[in-house]
C-alpha atoms as a PDB file:
ATOM      1  CA  UNK A   1     -19.256 -42.002  26.119  1.00  0.00           C
ATOM      2  CA  UNK A   2     -15.850 -40.850  24.553  1.00  0.00           C
ATOM      3  CA  UNK A   3     -16.465 -37.203  24.985  1.00  0.00           C
ATOM      4  CA  UNK A   4     -16.823 -37.815  28.745  1.00  0.00           C
ATOM      5  CA  UNK A   5     -14.046 -39.869  28.991  1.00  0.00           C
ATOM      6  CA  UNK A   6     -11.935 -37.197  27.436  1.00  0.00           C
ATOM      7  CA  UNK A   7     -13.537 -34.521  29.582  1.00  0.00           C
ATOM      8  CA  UNK A   8     -12.380 -36.478  32.507  1.00  0.00           C
ATOM      9  CA  UNK A   9      -9.015 -37.341  31.564  1.00  0.00           C
ATOM     10  CA  UNK A  10      -8.635 -33.498  30.857  1.00  0.00           C
ATOM     11  CA  UNK A  11      -9.922 -32.340  33.966  1.00  0.00           C
ATOM     12  CA  UNK A  12      -7.598 -34.935  35.752  1.00  0.00           C
ATOM     13  CA  UNK A  13      -4.539 -33.627  33.852  1.00  0.00           C
ATOM     14  CA  UNK A  14      -5.214 -29.889  34.394  1.00  0.00           C
ATOM     15  CA  UNK A  15      -5.724 -30.861  38.123  1.00  0.00           C
ATOM     16  CA  UNK A  16      -2.457 -32.743  38.498  1.00  0.00           C
ATOM     17  CA  UNK A  17      -0.578 -29.553  36.636  1.00  0.00           C
ATOM     18  CA  UNK A  18      -2.151 -27.225  39.333  1.00  0.00           C
ATOM     19  CA  UNK A  19      -1.214 -29.258  42.025  1.00  0.00           C
ATOM     20  CA  UNK A  20       2.373 -29.580  40.952  1.00  0.00           C
ATOM     21  CA  UNK A  21       2.529 -25.911  40.082  1.00  0.00           C
ATOM     22  CA  UNK A  22       1.312 -24.685  43.372  1.00  0.00           C
ATOM     23  CA  UNK A  23       4.162 -26.696  45.037  1.00  0.00           C
ATOM     24  CA  UNK A  24       6.865 -24.318  46.640  1.00  0.00           C
ATOM     25  CA  UNK A  25      10.666 -24.654  46.284  1.00  0.00           C
ATOM     26  CA  UNK A  26      12.667 -26.982  48.592  1.00  0.00           C
ATOM     27  CA  UNK A  27      14.879 -24.923  50.743  1.00  0.00           C
ATOM     28  CA  UNK A  28      18.413 -25.109  49.907  1.00  0.00           C
ATOM     29  CA  UNK A  29      21.387 -24.013  52.183  1.00  0.00           C
ATOM     30  CA  UNK A  30      24.625 -23.167  50.650  1.00  0.00           C
ATOM     31  CA  UNK A  31      27.750 -22.361  52.790  1.00  0.00           C
ATOM     32  CA  UNK A  32      29.040 -18.883  51.956  1.00  0.00           C
ATOM     33  CA  UNK A  33      32.603 -17.949  50.712  1.00  0.00           C
ATOM     34  CA  UNK A  34      33.289 -16.221  54.162  1.00  0.00           C
ATOM     35  CA  UNK A  35      32.881 -19.101  56.192  1.00  0.00           C
ATOM     36  CA  UNK A  36      35.450 -20.631  58.480  1.00  0.00           C
ATOM     37  CA  UNK A  37      35.689 -22.496  61.700  1.00  0.00           C
ATOM     38  CA  UNK A  38      34.575 -19.217  63.666  1.00  0.00           C
ATOM     39  CA  UNK A  39      32.183 -17.604  61.038  1.00  0.00           C
ATOM     40  CA  UNK A  40      29.006 -19.211  59.342  1.00  0.00           C
ATOM     41  CA  UNK A  41      27.610 -17.632  56.395  1.00  0.00           C
ATOM     42  CA  UNK A  42      24.346 -19.273  55.083  1.00  0.00           C
ATOM     43  CA  UNK A  43      22.901 -18.435  51.759  1.00  0.00           C
ATOM     44  CA  UNK A  44      19.368 -19.895  50.912  1.00  0.00           C
ATOM     45  CA  UNK A  45      17.611 -20.102  47.361  1.00  0.00           C
ATOM     46  CA  UNK A  46      14.357 -18.532  48.779  1.00  0.00           C
ATOM     47  CA  UNK A  47      13.812 -15.871  51.114  1.00  0.00           C
ATOM     48  CA  UNK A  48      13.304 -16.835  54.665  1.00  0.00           C
ATOM     49  CA  UNK A  49      13.079 -14.969  57.970  1.00  0.00           C
ATOM     50  CA  UNK A  50      14.119 -15.098  61.559  1.00  0.00           C
ATOM     51  CA  UNK A  51      17.016 -17.498  60.945  1.00  0.00           C
ATOM     52  CA  UNK A  52      18.278 -19.261  64.124  1.00  0.00           C
ATOM     53  CA  UNK A  53      20.974 -22.186  64.407  1.00  0.00           C
ATOM     54  CA  UNK A  54      21.606 -24.679  67.137  1.00  0.00           C
ATOM     55  CA  UNK A  55      25.218 -26.078  67.377  1.00  0.00           C
ATOM     56  CA  UNK A  56      25.820 -29.778  68.500  1.00  0.00           C
ATOM     57  CA  UNK A  57      25.452 -29.742  72.298  1.00  0.00           C
ATOM     58  CA  UNK A  58      23.726 -26.360  72.777  1.00  0.00           C
ATOM     59  CA  UNK A  59      20.588 -26.102  74.729  1.00  0.00           C
ATOM     60  CA  UNK A  60      19.282 -22.949  73.156  1.00  0.00           C
ATOM     61  CA  UNK A  61      18.970 -21.654  69.627  1.00  0.00           C
ATOM     62  CA  UNK A  62      21.411 -18.703  68.522  1.00  0.00           C
ATOM     63  CA  UNK A  63      19.575 -15.677  67.300  1.00  0.00           C
ATOM     64  CA  UNK A  64      23.000 -13.961  66.597  1.00  0.00           C
ATOM     65  CA  UNK A  65      22.724 -14.471  62.946  1.00  0.00           C
ATOM     66  CA  UNK A  66      22.567 -11.178  61.073  1.00  0.00           C
ATOM     67  CA  UNK A  67      20.603 -10.860  57.607  1.00  0.00           C
ATOM     68  CA  UNK A  68      22.526  -9.573  54.488  1.00  0.00           C
ATOM     69  CA  UNK A  69      21.133  -8.988  51.105  1.00  0.00           C
ATOM     70  CA  UNK A  70      20.590 -11.852  48.706  1.00  0.00           C
ATOM     71  CA  UNK A  71      19.247 -14.185  51.238  1.00  0.00           C
ATOM     72  CA  UNK A  72      22.342 -14.492  53.419  1.00  0.00           C
ATOM     73  CA  UNK A  73      22.571 -15.076  57.031  1.00  0.00           C
ATOM     74  CA  UNK A  74      25.858 -14.610  59.060  1.00  0.00           C
ATOM     75  CA  UNK A  75      26.903 -15.919  62.515  1.00  0.00           C
ATOM     76  CA  UNK A  76      30.475 -14.433  63.803  1.00  0.00           C
ATOM     77  CA  UNK A  77      31.452 -16.567  66.678  1.00  0.00           C
ATOM     78  CA  UNK A  78      34.505 -15.997  68.943  1.00  0.00           C
ATOM     79  CA  UNK A  79      34.604 -19.886  69.477  1.00  0.00           C
ATOM     80  CA  UNK A  80      34.734 -22.566  66.823  1.00  0.00           C
ATOM     81  CA  UNK A  81      31.158 -23.655  65.527  1.00  0.00           C
ATOM     82  CA  UNK A  82      30.392 -27.059  66.032  1.00  0.00           C
ATOM     83  CA  UNK A  83      28.210 -29.320  63.747  1.00  0.00           C
ATOM     84  CA  UNK A  84      26.072 -30.962  63.062  1.00  0.00           C
ATOM     85  CA  UNK A  85      23.916 -27.453  62.931  1.00  0.00           C
ATOM     86  CA  UNK A  86      20.253 -27.456  63.094  1.00  0.00           C
ATOM     87  CA  UNK A  87      18.538 -24.498  61.272  1.00  0.00           C
ATOM     88  CA  UNK A  88      14.919 -22.925  62.534  1.00  0.00           C
ATOM     89  CA  UNK A  89      13.385 -20.412  60.431  1.00  0.00           C
ATOM     90  CA  UNK A  90      10.040 -18.493  60.050  1.00  0.00           C
ATOM     91  CA  UNK A  91       7.539 -19.227  57.491  1.00  0.00           C
ATOM     92  CA  UNK A  92       5.271 -16.860  55.396  1.00  0.00           C
ATOM     93  CA  UNK A  93       2.039 -18.308  56.709  1.00  0.00           C
ATOM     94  CA  UNK A  94       3.210 -18.463  60.364  1.00  0.00           C
ATOM     95  CA  UNK A  95       5.160 -20.529  62.652  1.00  0.00           C
ATOM     96  CA  UNK A  96       8.543 -21.912  62.351  1.00  0.00           C
ATOM     97  CA  UNK A  97      10.209 -24.874  60.515  1.00  0.00           C
ATOM     98  CA  UNK A  98      13.171 -26.914  61.894  1.00  0.00           C
ATOM     99  CA  UNK A  99      15.646 -28.674  60.089  1.00  0.00           C
ATOM    100  CA  UNK A 100      17.629 -31.040  62.244  1.00  0.00           C
ATOM    101  CA  UNK A 101      21.381 -31.497  61.770  1.00  0.00           C
ATOM    102  CA  UNK A 102      21.457 -30.178  58.119  1.00  0.00           C
ATOM    103  CA  UNK A 103      24.979 -28.797  58.305  1.00  0.00           C
ATOM    104  CA  UNK A 104      27.614 -31.178  59.073  1.00  0.00           C
ATOM    105  CA  UNK A 105      30.700 -30.650  61.389  1.00  0.00           C
ATOM    106  CA  UNK A 106      33.478 -29.508  59.176  1.00  0.00           C
ATOM    107  CA  UNK A 107      31.469 -27.747  56.744  1.00  0.00           C
ATOM    108  CA  UNK A 108      33.263 -26.170  53.858  1.00  0.00           C
ATOM    109  CA  UNK A 109      32.290 -22.903  51.778  1.00  0.00           C
ATOM    110  CA  UNK A 110      30.551 -23.882  48.757  1.00  0.00           C
ATOM    111  CA  UNK A 111      28.931 -27.044  50.187  1.00  0.00           C
ATOM    112  CA  UNK A 112      25.059 -27.271  49.414  1.00  0.00           C
ATOM    113  CA  UNK A 113      22.571 -29.009  51.873  1.00  0.00           C
ATOM    114  CA  UNK A 114      19.080 -29.802  50.305  1.00  0.00           C
ATOM    115  CA  UNK A 115      16.665 -29.583  53.450  1.00  0.00           C
ATOM    116  CA  UNK A 116      13.308 -31.162  51.548  1.00  0.00           C
ATOM    117  CA  UNK A 117      11.551 -28.363  53.130  1.00  0.00           C
ATOM    118  CA  UNK A 118       8.957 -26.921  50.691  1.00  0.00           C
ATOM    119  CA  UNK A 119       8.702 -23.114  50.948  1.00  0.00           C
END
């Protein structure tokens, strides 16, 4: 009976480790050094694609962000960028994820925002 219990315990531990190990990283957004009231630089901790943002009061998503190396997305605007800002991005397995109001008004370079979205 002891060996049966040990086997079940071992199986449960291995299953838990596999489940935890298969979880992706949580998406984190860092405001880049080049950000200002008319420029937004978003640096992600994981590779994402097709990034769009929606500023406060906007009806549509802005697809004007340009991708740079090192997981950086940049928006240059003639008008001040208004927060809170929602971020939409494509995921590997298809579809989009949206993080509402993740970047607040008055964002500052170096600020880090955790989304809770697993990638």
